[in-house]
């Protein structure tokens, strides 16, 4: 199957300008926890970057909803096709899930894990606020991909992120926004809003990455 044929079926990959790699974006309106946090002052989602600027362009919204439709209509088929698309297009050794949006279900998270298992040469970074889904998945999946970095995101600006007790096979890291007391601070804003050579978000050895509010 050609790349175009794959994209016609499940949508294209995204290419965030600050990232060294491709990403995958879903509509922010489809975030489960984020849709609730959006209405809470002081939450990170109250001023969601994925609900303004270029994310609101008609063509960008259409592309994200196409990806969502493919994912929820047949997650098993989506898993196979998106793995093929990523393997054909991503040559950096890195990939970011959800520069917009979040995981939709435990089945979705299991598919992401399976994709990482099938592409061991790529490091996958998955930021998420869906703590309950992660905990549910953690005790049901058979094998954890070593190259899947799950970062549980804090819900409020300046707040520490929850670090739950999970199965010992799962390596969980976190991310925060506007929290000065952090082991690591994202350097992107000081280097042209670009990752540059930094790959901390994909590194299990970095327990928490703090971002400035934007």
N, C-alpha and C. Protein backbone atom coordinates (compact mmCIF):
# COMPACT_ATOMS: atom_id res chain seq x y z
N UNK A 1 0.85 -1.18 0.00
CA UNK A 1 0.00 0.00 0.00
C UNK A 1 0.89 1.25 0.00
N UNK A 2 0.57 2.22 -0.83
CA UNK A 2 1.37 3.45 -0.88
C UNK A 2 1.08 4.31 0.34
N UNK A 3 1.98 5.27 0.57
CA UNK A 3 1.78 6.21 1.67
C UNK A 3 0.49 6.98 1.47
N UNK A 4 0.22 7.39 0.24
CA UNK A 4 -1.01 8.14 -0.05
C UNK A 4 -2.24 7.30 0.27
N UNK A 5 -2.19 6.02 -0.07
CA UNK A 5 -3.32 5.13 0.19
C UNK A 5 -3.55 4.99 1.71
N UNK A 6 -2.47 4.88 2.45
CA UNK A 6 -2.58 4.81 3.91
C UNK A 6 -3.19 6.10 4.47
N UNK A 7 -2.72 7.24 3.98
CA UNK A 7 -3.23 8.52 4.46
C UNK A 7 -4.69 8.73 4.07
N UNK A 8 -5.08 8.21 2.93
CA UNK A 8 -6.49 8.31 2.52
C UNK A 8 -7.40 7.54 3.48
N UNK A 9 -6.86 6.46 4.05
CA UNK A 9 -7.66 5.63 4.95
C UNK A 9 -7.70 6.15 6.38
N UNK A 10 -6.55 6.58 6.89
CA UNK A 10 -6.47 6.92 8.32
C UNK A 10 -6.02 8.34 8.61
N UNK A 11 -5.73 9.11 7.56
CA UNK A 11 -5.24 10.47 7.76
C UNK A 11 -3.73 10.51 7.80
N UNK A 12 -3.19 11.71 7.72
CA UNK A 12 -1.74 11.90 7.69
C UNK A 12 -1.17 12.03 9.09
N UNK A 13 0.13 12.03 9.20
CA UNK A 13 0.81 12.35 10.45
C UNK A 13 0.91 13.87 10.55
N UNK A 14 1.04 14.39 11.75
CA UNK A 14 1.25 15.83 11.90
C UNK A 14 2.76 16.10 11.92
N UNK A 15 3.14 17.36 11.76
CA UNK A 15 4.56 17.73 11.77
C UNK A 15 4.72 19.03 12.55
N UNK A 16 4.66 18.94 13.89
CA UNK A 16 4.81 20.14 14.73
C UNK A 16 6.14 20.83 14.46
N UNK A 17 6.10 22.15 14.32
CA UNK A 17 7.30 22.88 13.89
C UNK A 17 8.44 22.79 14.91
N UNK A 18 8.14 22.64 16.20
CA UNK A 18 9.21 22.60 17.19
C UNK A 18 9.83 21.22 17.33
N UNK A 19 9.17 20.21 16.80
CA UNK A 19 9.60 18.82 17.03
C UNK A 19 10.65 18.36 16.03
N UNK A 20 11.48 17.40 16.43
CA UNK A 20 12.47 16.83 15.51
C UNK A 20 11.89 15.67 14.71
N UNK A 21 10.58 15.46 14.83
CA UNK A 21 9.97 14.26 14.27
C UNK A 21 8.50 14.53 13.93
N UNK A 22 7.85 13.52 13.38
CA UNK A 22 6.42 13.59 13.16
C UNK A 22 5.67 13.44 14.48
N UNK A 23 4.41 13.83 14.44
CA UNK A 23 3.52 13.64 15.58
C UNK A 23 2.19 13.11 15.10
N UNK A 24 1.24 13.08 16.02
CA UNK A 24 -0.10 12.60 15.69
C UNK A 24 -1.07 13.43 16.52
N UNK A 25 -1.98 14.13 15.85
CA UNK A 25 -2.88 15.02 16.57
C UNK A 25 -4.33 14.61 16.37
N UNK A 26 -5.09 14.75 17.44
CA UNK A 26 -6.53 14.53 17.45
C UNK A 26 -7.21 15.82 17.91
N UNK A 27 -8.50 15.98 17.67
CA UNK A 27 -9.18 17.21 18.09
C UNK A 27 -9.14 17.38 19.61
N UNK A 28 -8.78 18.57 20.06
CA UNK A 28 -8.77 18.84 21.49
C UNK A 28 -10.17 18.71 22.09
N UNK A 29 -11.19 18.95 21.28
CA UNK A 29 -12.56 18.81 21.76
C UNK A 29 -12.89 17.37 22.15
N UNK A 30 -12.09 16.42 21.65
CA UNK A 30 -12.34 15.00 21.95
C UNK A 30 -11.60 14.53 23.20
N UNK A 31 -10.85 15.41 23.87
CA UNK A 31 -10.17 15.03 25.10
C UNK A 31 -11.20 14.75 26.19
N UNK A 32 -11.09 13.61 26.85
CA UNK A 32 -12.04 13.27 27.90
C UNK A 32 -11.85 14.17 29.13
N UNK A 33 -10.71 14.05 29.77
CA UNK A 33 -10.44 14.84 30.97
C UNK A 33 -10.25 16.32 30.60
N UNK A 34 -9.60 16.56 29.49
CA UNK A 34 -9.34 17.94 29.07
C UNK A 34 -10.61 18.74 28.84
N UNK A 35 -11.65 18.09 28.35
CA UNK A 35 -12.92 18.78 28.11
C UNK A 35 -13.53 19.30 29.41
N UNK A 36 -13.26 18.61 30.51
CA UNK A 36 -13.74 19.05 31.83
C UNK A 36 -12.82 20.14 32.39
N UNK A 37 -11.52 19.93 32.26
CA UNK A 37 -10.55 20.87 32.81
C UNK A 37 -10.60 22.22 32.10
N UNK A 38 -11.06 22.24 30.87
CA UNK A 38 -11.14 23.47 30.09
C UNK A 38 -11.96 24.54 30.79
N UNK A 39 -12.90 24.12 31.62
CA UNK A 39 -13.81 25.05 32.29
C UNK A 39 -13.38 25.38 33.72
N UNK A 40 -12.18 24.95 34.10
CA UNK A 40 -11.69 25.18 35.46
C UNK A 40 -10.54 26.19 35.43
N UNK A 41 -10.73 27.38 36.00
CA UNK A 41 -9.66 28.38 36.04
C UNK A 41 -8.42 27.82 36.73
N UNK A 42 -7.27 28.13 36.16
CA UNK A 42 -6.02 27.65 36.73
C UNK A 42 -5.57 26.30 36.21
N UNK A 43 -6.44 25.63 35.46
CA UNK A 43 -6.02 24.36 34.87
C UNK A 43 -5.19 24.63 33.62
N UNK A 44 -4.35 23.67 33.27
CA UNK A 44 -3.53 23.81 32.07
C UNK A 44 -4.42 23.91 30.83
N UNK A 45 -5.55 23.21 30.86
CA UNK A 45 -6.43 23.17 29.69
C UNK A 45 -7.32 24.40 29.55
N UNK A 46 -7.35 25.27 30.58
CA UNK A 46 -8.19 26.46 30.52
C UNK A 46 -7.77 27.40 29.39
N UNK A 47 -6.49 27.34 29.02
CA UNK A 47 -5.99 28.16 27.91
C UNK A 47 -5.27 27.25 26.92
N UNK A 48 -5.97 26.21 26.50
CA UNK A 48 -5.38 25.18 25.64
C UNK A 48 -4.86 25.75 24.32
N UNK A 49 -3.58 25.50 24.03
CA UNK A 49 -2.99 25.99 22.78
C UNK A 49 -3.61 25.33 21.55
N UNK A 50 -4.17 24.14 21.73
CA UNK A 50 -4.75 23.41 20.60
C UNK A 50 -6.18 23.83 20.30
N UNK A 51 -6.66 24.87 21.00
CA UNK A 51 -7.99 25.42 20.72
C UNK A 51 -7.89 26.86 20.23
N UNK A 52 -6.73 27.19 19.66
CA UNK A 52 -6.56 28.54 19.12
C UNK A 52 -5.53 28.52 18.00
N UNK A 53 -5.36 29.66 17.37
CA UNK A 53 -4.39 29.86 16.29
C UNK A 53 -4.59 28.85 15.15
N UNK A 54 -3.51 28.29 14.64
CA UNK A 54 -3.61 27.46 13.42
C UNK A 54 -4.41 26.19 13.64
N UNK A 55 -4.54 25.75 14.89
CA UNK A 55 -5.31 24.53 15.16
C UNK A 55 -6.78 24.68 14.77
N UNK A 56 -7.24 25.93 14.66
CA UNK A 56 -8.64 26.17 14.33
C UNK A 56 -8.90 26.29 12.83
N UNK A 57 -7.85 26.25 12.02
CA UNK A 57 -8.05 26.31 10.58
C UNK A 57 -8.91 25.14 10.14
N UNK A 58 -9.78 25.38 9.16
CA UNK A 58 -10.70 24.34 8.71
C UNK A 58 -9.98 23.08 8.25
N UNK A 59 -8.88 23.24 7.50
CA UNK A 59 -8.17 22.07 6.99
C UNK A 59 -7.49 21.28 8.11
N UNK A 60 -7.02 21.99 9.14
CA UNK A 60 -6.39 21.31 10.28
C UNK A 60 -7.44 20.53 11.07
N UNK A 61 -8.59 21.15 11.33
CA UNK A 61 -9.67 20.48 12.04
C UNK A 61 -10.16 19.25 11.27
N UNK A 62 -10.30 19.40 9.95
CA UNK A 62 -10.77 18.28 9.13
C UNK A 62 -9.80 17.11 9.20
N UNK A 63 -8.49 17.42 9.18
CA UNK A 63 -7.48 16.36 9.24
C UNK A 63 -7.53 15.63 10.58
N UNK A 64 -7.73 16.40 11.67
CA UNK A 64 -7.77 15.77 13.00
C UNK A 64 -9.01 14.90 13.18
N UNK A 65 -10.14 15.36 12.66
CA UNK A 65 -11.35 14.55 12.79
C UNK A 65 -11.30 13.31 11.90
N UNK A 66 -10.59 13.40 10.80
CA UNK A 66 -10.40 12.21 9.96
C UNK A 66 -9.60 11.16 10.71
N UNK A 67 -8.57 11.59 11.41
CA UNK A 67 -7.77 10.65 12.22
C UNK A 67 -8.62 10.03 13.33
N UNK A 68 -9.42 10.87 13.98
CA UNK A 68 -10.26 10.38 15.06
C UNK A 68 -11.27 9.35 14.56
N UNK A 69 -11.90 9.64 13.43
CA UNK A 69 -12.89 8.71 12.87
C UNK A 69 -12.26 7.36 12.55
N UNK A 70 -11.05 7.38 11.97
CA UNK A 70 -10.36 6.13 11.63
C UNK A 70 -10.01 5.34 12.89
N UNK A 71 -9.60 6.06 13.93
CA UNK A 71 -9.21 5.42 15.18
C UNK A 71 -10.39 4.75 15.87
N UNK A 72 -11.49 5.47 16.03
CA UNK A 72 -12.60 4.93 16.82
C UNK A 72 -13.47 3.95 16.04
N UNK A 73 -13.45 4.04 14.71
CA UNK A 73 -14.30 3.14 13.92
C UNK A 73 -13.75 1.72 13.90
N UNK A 74 -12.42 1.57 13.90
CA UNK A 74 -11.81 0.24 13.91
C UNK A 74 -10.39 0.37 14.45
N UNK A 75 -10.26 0.30 15.77
CA UNK A 75 -8.97 0.53 16.41
C UNK A 75 -7.93 -0.51 16.01
N UNK A 76 -8.35 -1.75 15.80
CA UNK A 76 -7.42 -2.81 15.40
C UNK A 76 -6.83 -2.53 14.02
N UNK A 77 -7.69 -2.15 13.09
CA UNK A 77 -7.19 -1.83 11.74
C UNK A 77 -6.33 -0.58 11.79
N UNK A 78 -6.76 0.41 12.55
CA UNK A 78 -5.99 1.65 12.70
C UNK A 78 -4.59 1.34 13.20
N UNK A 79 -4.48 0.45 14.17
CA UNK A 79 -3.19 0.08 14.74
C UNK A 79 -2.23 -0.43 13.68
N UNK A 80 -2.72 -1.31 12.83
CA UNK A 80 -1.87 -1.89 11.78
C UNK A 80 -1.46 -0.84 10.76
N UNK A 81 -2.42 -0.01 10.35
CA UNK A 81 -2.16 0.96 9.29
C UNK A 81 -1.28 2.11 9.78
N UNK A 82 -1.53 2.59 11.00
CA UNK A 82 -0.72 3.71 11.50
C UNK A 82 0.71 3.26 11.77
N UNK A 83 0.89 2.02 12.21
CA UNK A 83 2.24 1.49 12.41
C UNK A 83 3.00 1.45 11.08
N UNK A 84 2.30 1.05 10.04
CA UNK A 84 2.93 1.02 8.71
C UNK A 84 3.28 2.42 8.24
N UNK A 85 2.37 3.37 8.47
CA UNK A 85 2.61 4.75 8.04
C UNK A 85 3.80 5.36 8.80
N UNK A 86 3.85 5.14 10.08
CA UNK A 86 4.97 5.67 10.88
C UNK A 86 6.29 5.04 10.44
N UNK A 87 6.29 3.74 10.20
CA UNK A 87 7.52 3.05 9.79
C UNK A 87 8.03 3.55 8.45
N UNK A 88 7.10 3.96 7.59
CA UNK A 88 7.47 4.43 6.25
C UNK A 88 7.93 5.90 6.25
N UNK A 89 7.40 6.71 7.20
CA UNK A 89 7.65 8.16 7.13
C UNK A 89 8.63 8.67 8.20
N UNK A 90 8.73 7.97 9.32
CA UNK A 90 9.56 8.50 10.42
C UNK A 90 10.96 7.91 10.39
N UNK A 91 11.95 8.79 10.15
CA UNK A 91 13.33 8.33 10.02
C UNK A 91 14.24 8.93 11.10
N UNK A 92 13.67 9.69 12.03
CA UNK A 92 14.49 10.35 13.05
C UNK A 92 14.76 9.45 14.25
N UNK A 93 13.94 8.40 14.40
CA UNK A 93 14.06 7.55 15.59
C UNK A 93 13.20 8.01 16.74
N UNK A 94 12.37 9.06 16.50
CA UNK A 94 11.50 9.60 17.54
C UNK A 94 10.10 9.84 16.96
N UNK A 95 9.11 9.84 17.86
CA UNK A 95 7.73 10.12 17.45
C UNK A 95 6.96 10.64 18.65
N UNK A 96 6.10 11.63 18.41
CA UNK A 96 5.28 12.18 19.49
C UNK A 96 3.81 11.89 19.25
N UNK A 97 3.17 11.29 20.23
CA UNK A 97 1.72 11.13 20.19
C UNK A 97 1.05 12.39 20.73
N UNK A 98 0.05 12.85 20.03
CA UNK A 98 -0.89 13.86 20.51
C UNK A 98 -0.28 15.22 20.84
N UNK A 99 0.21 15.91 19.81
CA UNK A 99 0.51 17.32 19.99
C UNK A 99 -0.80 18.09 20.16
N UNK A 100 -1.90 17.44 19.85
CA UNK A 100 -3.25 17.90 20.19
C UNK A 100 -4.07 16.66 20.49
N UNK A 101 -4.95 16.74 21.50
CA UNK A 101 -5.79 15.59 21.83
C UNK A 101 -5.15 14.67 22.84
N UNK A 102 -5.80 13.53 23.08
CA UNK A 102 -5.33 12.59 24.10
C UNK A 102 -5.87 11.21 23.79
N UNK A 103 -5.45 10.21 24.57
CA UNK A 103 -5.95 8.86 24.36
C UNK A 103 -7.46 8.80 24.60
N UNK A 104 -8.13 7.96 23.82
CA UNK A 104 -9.58 7.89 23.84
C UNK A 104 -10.13 6.74 24.68
N UNK A 105 -9.31 5.72 24.89
CA UNK A 105 -9.78 4.52 25.59
C UNK A 105 -8.59 3.66 25.98
N UNK A 106 -8.86 2.66 26.80
CA UNK A 106 -7.82 1.68 27.15
C UNK A 106 -7.39 0.92 25.89
N UNK A 107 -8.35 0.62 25.03
CA UNK A 107 -8.04 -0.06 23.77
C UNK A 107 -7.08 0.78 22.92
N UNK A 108 -7.29 2.08 22.90
CA UNK A 108 -6.42 3.00 22.17
C UNK A 108 -5.00 2.95 22.73
N UNK A 109 -4.87 3.02 24.06
CA UNK A 109 -3.56 2.96 24.70
C UNK A 109 -2.88 1.62 24.43
N UNK A 110 -3.64 0.55 24.44
CA UNK A 110 -3.08 -0.76 24.15
C UNK A 110 -2.55 -0.83 22.72
N UNK A 111 -3.27 -0.18 21.80
CA UNK A 111 -2.83 -0.13 20.41
C UNK A 111 -1.52 0.65 20.28
N UNK A 112 -1.42 1.76 21.00
CA UNK A 112 -0.19 2.56 20.98
C UNK A 112 0.98 1.74 21.50
N UNK A 113 0.77 0.99 22.56
CA UNK A 113 1.81 0.11 23.10
C UNK A 113 2.22 -0.95 22.08
N UNK A 114 1.22 -1.52 21.40
CA UNK A 114 1.50 -2.55 20.38
C UNK A 114 2.29 -1.96 19.21
N UNK A 115 1.98 -0.73 18.84
CA UNK A 115 2.71 -0.06 17.77
C UNK A 115 4.18 0.12 18.16
N UNK A 116 4.40 0.56 19.40
CA UNK A 116 5.78 0.72 19.89
C UNK A 116 6.53 -0.61 19.89
N UNK A 117 5.84 -1.68 20.28
CA UNK A 117 6.47 -3.01 20.27
C UNK A 117 6.86 -3.42 18.86
N UNK A 118 6.04 -3.03 17.88
CA UNK A 118 6.32 -3.43 16.49
C UNK A 118 7.39 -2.56 15.82
N UNK A 119 7.70 -1.41 16.44
CA UNK A 119 8.70 -0.49 15.87
C UNK A 119 9.75 -0.15 16.94
N UNK A 120 10.54 -1.12 17.34
CA UNK A 120 11.48 -0.93 18.45
C UNK A 120 12.59 0.09 18.17
N UNK A 121 12.78 0.46 16.91
CA UNK A 121 13.83 1.41 16.56
C UNK A 121 13.37 2.86 16.73
N UNK A 122 12.10 3.06 17.11
CA UNK A 122 11.56 4.41 17.29
C UNK A 122 11.19 4.62 18.76
N UNK A 123 11.59 5.77 19.32
CA UNK A 123 11.20 6.14 20.67
C UNK A 123 9.90 6.93 20.62
N UNK A 124 8.89 6.46 21.34
CA UNK A 124 7.58 7.09 21.33
C UNK A 124 7.33 7.84 22.64
N UNK A 125 6.91 9.09 22.53
CA UNK A 125 6.56 9.90 23.70
C UNK A 125 5.05 10.10 23.71
N UNK A 126 4.42 9.73 24.81
CA UNK A 126 2.97 9.88 24.96
C UNK A 126 2.65 10.71 26.19
N UNK A 127 2.35 12.02 26.02
CA UNK A 127 1.86 12.81 27.14
C UNK A 127 0.36 12.57 27.30
N UNK A 128 -0.12 12.44 28.52
CA UNK A 128 -1.54 12.18 28.73
C UNK A 128 -2.01 12.65 30.09
N UNK A 129 -3.27 13.04 30.16
CA UNK A 129 -3.91 13.37 31.44
C UNK A 129 -4.89 12.27 31.87
N UNK A 130 -4.97 11.22 31.08
CA UNK A 130 -5.95 10.16 31.34
C UNK A 130 -5.40 9.12 32.32
N UNK A 131 -5.24 9.55 33.55
CA UNK A 131 -4.65 8.71 34.59
C UNK A 131 -5.44 7.41 34.79
N UNK A 132 -6.75 7.49 34.80
CA UNK A 132 -7.56 6.30 35.03
C UNK A 132 -7.37 5.27 33.92
N UNK A 133 -7.28 5.74 32.68
CA UNK A 133 -7.06 4.82 31.56
C UNK A 133 -5.70 4.15 31.68
N UNK A 134 -4.69 4.93 32.07
CA UNK A 134 -3.34 4.37 32.22
C UNK A 134 -3.33 3.30 33.30
N UNK A 135 -3.98 3.56 34.43
CA UNK A 135 -4.02 2.58 35.52
C UNK A 135 -4.78 1.31 35.10
N UNK A 136 -5.88 1.49 34.37
CA UNK A 136 -6.64 0.33 33.88
C UNK A 136 -5.81 -0.51 32.95
N UNK A 137 -5.15 0.14 32.02
CA UNK A 137 -4.32 -0.54 31.02
C UNK A 137 -3.13 -1.23 31.67
N UNK A 138 -2.56 -0.60 32.67
CA UNK A 138 -1.33 -1.07 33.29
C UNK A 138 -1.43 -2.51 33.81
N UNK A 139 -2.59 -2.88 34.30
CA UNK A 139 -2.74 -4.22 34.88
C UNK A 139 -3.39 -5.22 33.94
N UNK A 140 -3.56 -4.84 32.68
CA UNK A 140 -4.21 -5.76 31.75
C UNK A 140 -3.36 -6.13 30.55
N UNK A 141 -2.39 -5.29 30.18
CA UNK A 141 -1.64 -5.58 28.96
C UNK A 141 -0.60 -6.66 29.22
N UNK A 142 -0.25 -7.45 28.19
CA UNK A 142 0.70 -8.55 28.38
C UNK A 142 2.17 -8.09 28.44
N UNK A 143 2.53 -7.14 27.60
CA UNK A 143 3.93 -6.71 27.50
C UNK A 143 4.00 -5.20 27.35
N UNK A 144 4.94 -4.58 28.05
CA UNK A 144 5.13 -3.14 27.96
C UNK A 144 6.28 -2.84 27.02
N UNK A 145 6.07 -1.91 26.11
CA UNK A 145 7.12 -1.50 25.18
C UNK A 145 8.14 -0.64 25.92
N UNK A 146 9.40 -1.03 25.85
CA UNK A 146 10.47 -0.26 26.51
C UNK A 146 10.66 1.10 25.86
N UNK A 147 10.27 1.22 24.59
CA UNK A 147 10.46 2.46 23.84
C UNK A 147 9.23 3.36 23.85
N UNK A 148 8.29 3.09 24.76
CA UNK A 148 7.12 3.95 24.93
C UNK A 148 7.26 4.72 26.25
N UNK A 149 7.41 6.03 26.15
CA UNK A 149 7.57 6.88 27.32
C UNK A 149 6.24 7.56 27.60
N UNK A 150 5.57 7.16 28.67
CA UNK A 150 4.30 7.76 29.06
C UNK A 150 4.58 8.84 30.09
N UNK A 151 4.16 10.07 29.79
CA UNK A 151 4.30 11.17 30.74
C UNK A 151 2.92 11.62 31.19
N UNK A 152 2.62 11.38 32.45
CA UNK A 152 1.36 11.84 33.01
C UNK A 152 1.47 13.34 33.29
N UNK A 153 0.52 14.09 32.72
CA UNK A 153 0.58 15.55 32.79
C UNK A 153 -0.20 16.09 33.97
N UNK A 154 0.35 17.09 34.64
CA UNK A 154 -0.35 17.75 35.74
C UNK A 154 -1.58 18.48 35.20
N UNK A 155 -2.62 18.53 36.02
CA UNK A 155 -3.86 19.17 35.59
C UNK A 155 -3.86 20.68 35.76
N UNK A 156 -3.13 21.18 36.78
CA UNK A 156 -3.16 22.61 37.07
C UNK A 156 -1.79 23.25 36.93
N UNK A 157 -1.77 24.51 36.55
CA UNK A 157 -0.53 25.26 36.42
C UNK A 157 0.15 25.34 37.79
N UNK A 158 1.43 25.00 37.83
CA UNK A 158 2.20 25.05 39.07
C UNK A 158 2.04 23.82 39.94
N UNK A 159 1.16 22.92 39.55
CA UNK A 159 0.88 21.73 40.37
C UNK A 159 1.81 20.58 40.01
N UNK A 160 2.14 19.76 41.02
CA UNK A 160 2.91 18.56 40.76
C UNK A 160 2.01 17.53 40.09
N UNK A 161 2.55 16.75 39.18
CA UNK A 161 1.77 15.71 38.50
C UNK A 161 1.67 14.48 39.38
N UNK A 162 0.53 13.79 39.31
CA UNK A 162 0.35 12.54 40.05
C UNK A 162 1.29 11.48 39.52
N UNK A 163 1.89 10.73 40.44
CA UNK A 163 2.75 9.62 40.04
C UNK A 163 2.23 8.37 40.75
N UNK A 164 1.25 7.69 40.15
CA UNK A 164 0.58 6.58 40.82
C UNK A 164 1.46 5.33 40.93
N UNK A 165 1.08 4.46 41.83
CA UNK A 165 1.75 3.16 41.93
C UNK A 165 1.19 2.25 40.86
N UNK A 166 2.06 1.82 39.96
CA UNK A 166 1.64 0.98 38.85
C UNK A 166 2.45 -0.31 38.85
N UNK A 167 2.08 -1.19 37.94
CA UNK A 167 2.82 -2.43 37.75
C UNK A 167 4.30 -2.11 37.55
N UNK A 168 5.17 -2.88 38.13
CA UNK A 168 6.61 -2.59 38.08
C UNK A 168 7.17 -2.59 36.67
N UNK A 169 6.44 -3.17 35.72
CA UNK A 169 6.94 -3.20 34.33
C UNK A 169 6.75 -1.85 33.63
N UNK A 170 5.88 -1.01 34.17
CA UNK A 170 5.56 0.25 33.51
C UNK A 170 6.40 1.39 34.07
N UNK A 171 7.13 2.07 33.18
CA UNK A 171 7.94 3.21 33.59
C UNK A 171 7.15 4.48 33.31
N UNK A 172 6.65 5.10 34.38
CA UNK A 172 5.84 6.29 34.24
C UNK A 172 6.66 7.53 34.61
N UNK A 173 6.66 8.52 33.74
CA UNK A 173 7.28 9.79 34.02
C UNK A 173 6.17 10.84 34.03
N UNK A 174 6.51 12.09 34.31
CA UNK A 174 5.49 13.13 34.41
C UNK A 174 5.92 14.40 33.69
N UNK A 175 4.95 15.31 33.55
CA UNK A 175 5.25 16.65 33.04
C UNK A 175 4.38 17.66 33.79
N UNK A 176 4.90 18.88 33.90
CA UNK A 176 4.20 19.96 34.59
C UNK A 176 4.26 21.22 33.76
N UNK A 177 3.45 22.20 34.16
CA UNK A 177 3.46 23.51 33.51
C UNK A 177 3.61 24.58 34.59
N UNK A 178 4.59 25.44 34.43
CA UNK A 178 4.77 26.55 35.37
C UNK A 178 5.15 26.13 36.77
N UNK A 179 5.84 25.02 36.90
CA UNK A 179 6.29 24.56 38.22
C UNK A 179 7.80 24.74 38.33
N UNK A 180 8.20 25.68 39.14
CA UNK A 180 9.62 26.01 39.25
C UNK A 180 10.43 24.87 39.87
N UNK A 181 9.81 24.15 40.81
CA UNK A 181 10.53 23.06 41.48
C UNK A 181 10.41 21.80 40.63
N UNK A 182 11.22 21.72 39.62
CA UNK A 182 11.21 20.57 38.71
C UNK A 182 12.63 20.12 38.44
N UNK A 183 12.79 18.82 38.20
CA UNK A 183 14.11 18.27 37.91
C UNK A 183 14.66 18.79 36.59
N UNK A 184 13.75 19.14 35.69
CA UNK A 184 14.19 19.54 34.35
C UNK A 184 13.19 20.54 33.77
N UNK A 185 13.70 21.57 33.10
CA UNK A 185 12.85 22.58 32.46
C UNK A 185 13.07 22.55 30.95
N UNK A 186 12.00 22.48 30.20
CA UNK A 186 12.09 22.46 28.75
C UNK A 186 12.82 23.70 28.24
N UNK A 187 13.87 23.52 27.43
CA UNK A 187 14.65 24.67 26.96
C UNK A 187 14.13 25.29 25.67
N UNK A 188 13.02 24.80 25.13
CA UNK A 188 12.58 25.20 23.78
C UNK A 188 12.44 26.71 23.61
N UNK A 189 11.83 27.39 24.57
CA UNK A 189 11.59 28.83 24.42
C UNK A 189 12.88 29.64 24.36
N UNK A 190 13.94 29.10 24.91
CA UNK A 190 15.23 29.81 24.89
C UNK A 190 16.04 29.49 23.65
N UNK A 191 15.50 28.61 22.80
CA UNK A 191 16.22 28.24 21.58
C UNK A 191 15.29 28.25 20.37
N UNK A 192 14.55 29.37 20.25
CA UNK A 192 13.69 29.57 19.07
C UNK A 192 12.46 28.70 19.05
N UNK A 193 11.93 28.34 20.22
CA UNK A 193 10.76 27.46 20.32
C UNK A 193 10.98 26.17 19.54
N UNK A 194 12.12 25.57 19.80
CA UNK A 194 12.52 24.37 19.07
C UNK A 194 13.20 23.40 20.03
N UNK A 195 12.98 22.11 19.79
CA UNK A 195 13.62 21.10 20.64
C UNK A 195 15.13 21.12 20.51
N UNK A 196 15.62 21.51 19.32
CA UNK A 196 17.06 21.47 19.11
C UNK A 196 17.59 20.06 19.32
N UNK A 197 18.63 19.94 20.12
CA UNK A 197 19.22 18.64 20.40
C UNK A 197 18.60 17.95 21.62
N UNK A 198 17.68 18.63 22.29
CA UNK A 198 17.09 18.07 23.50
C UNK A 198 16.11 16.94 23.16
N UNK A 199 16.21 15.84 23.89
CA UNK A 199 15.27 14.72 23.73
C UNK A 199 14.77 14.26 25.11
N UNK A 200 14.72 15.18 26.07
CA UNK A 200 14.34 14.82 27.44
C UNK A 200 12.95 14.21 27.52
N UNK A 201 12.01 14.69 26.70
CA UNK A 201 10.63 14.19 26.76
C UNK A 201 10.55 12.70 26.43
N UNK A 202 11.51 12.21 25.67
CA UNK A 202 11.54 10.80 25.27
C UNK A 202 12.43 9.95 26.16
N UNK A 203 12.92 10.53 27.25
CA UNK A 203 13.94 9.86 28.06
C UNK A 203 13.35 9.40 29.40
N UNK A 204 13.33 8.09 29.64
CA UNK A 204 12.85 7.54 30.91
C UNK A 204 13.64 8.08 32.11
N UNK A 205 14.89 8.47 31.87
CA UNK A 205 15.75 8.89 32.97
C UNK A 205 15.42 10.30 33.46
N UNK A 206 14.58 11.03 32.72
CA UNK A 206 14.15 12.37 33.14
C UNK A 206 12.77 12.22 33.78
N UNK A 207 12.68 12.24 35.11
CA UNK A 207 11.41 11.93 35.79
C UNK A 207 10.32 12.95 35.55
N UNK A 208 10.66 14.22 35.41
CA UNK A 208 9.66 15.25 35.15
C UNK A 208 10.22 16.33 34.23
N UNK A 209 9.42 16.72 33.25
CA UNK A 209 9.76 17.85 32.37
C UNK A 209 8.76 18.96 32.65
N UNK A 210 9.27 20.15 32.95
CA UNK A 210 8.40 21.29 33.19
C UNK A 210 8.40 22.22 31.98
N UNK A 211 7.21 22.65 31.58
CA UNK A 211 7.05 23.55 30.44
C UNK A 211 6.54 24.90 30.93
N UNK A 212 6.89 25.94 30.21
CA UNK A 212 6.32 27.25 30.49
C UNK A 212 4.92 27.30 29.89
N UNK A 213 4.03 28.05 30.52
CA UNK A 213 2.67 28.19 30.02
C UNK A 213 2.70 28.93 28.69
N UNK A 214 2.00 28.37 27.67
CA UNK A 214 1.96 29.04 26.37
C UNK A 214 0.60 28.80 25.72
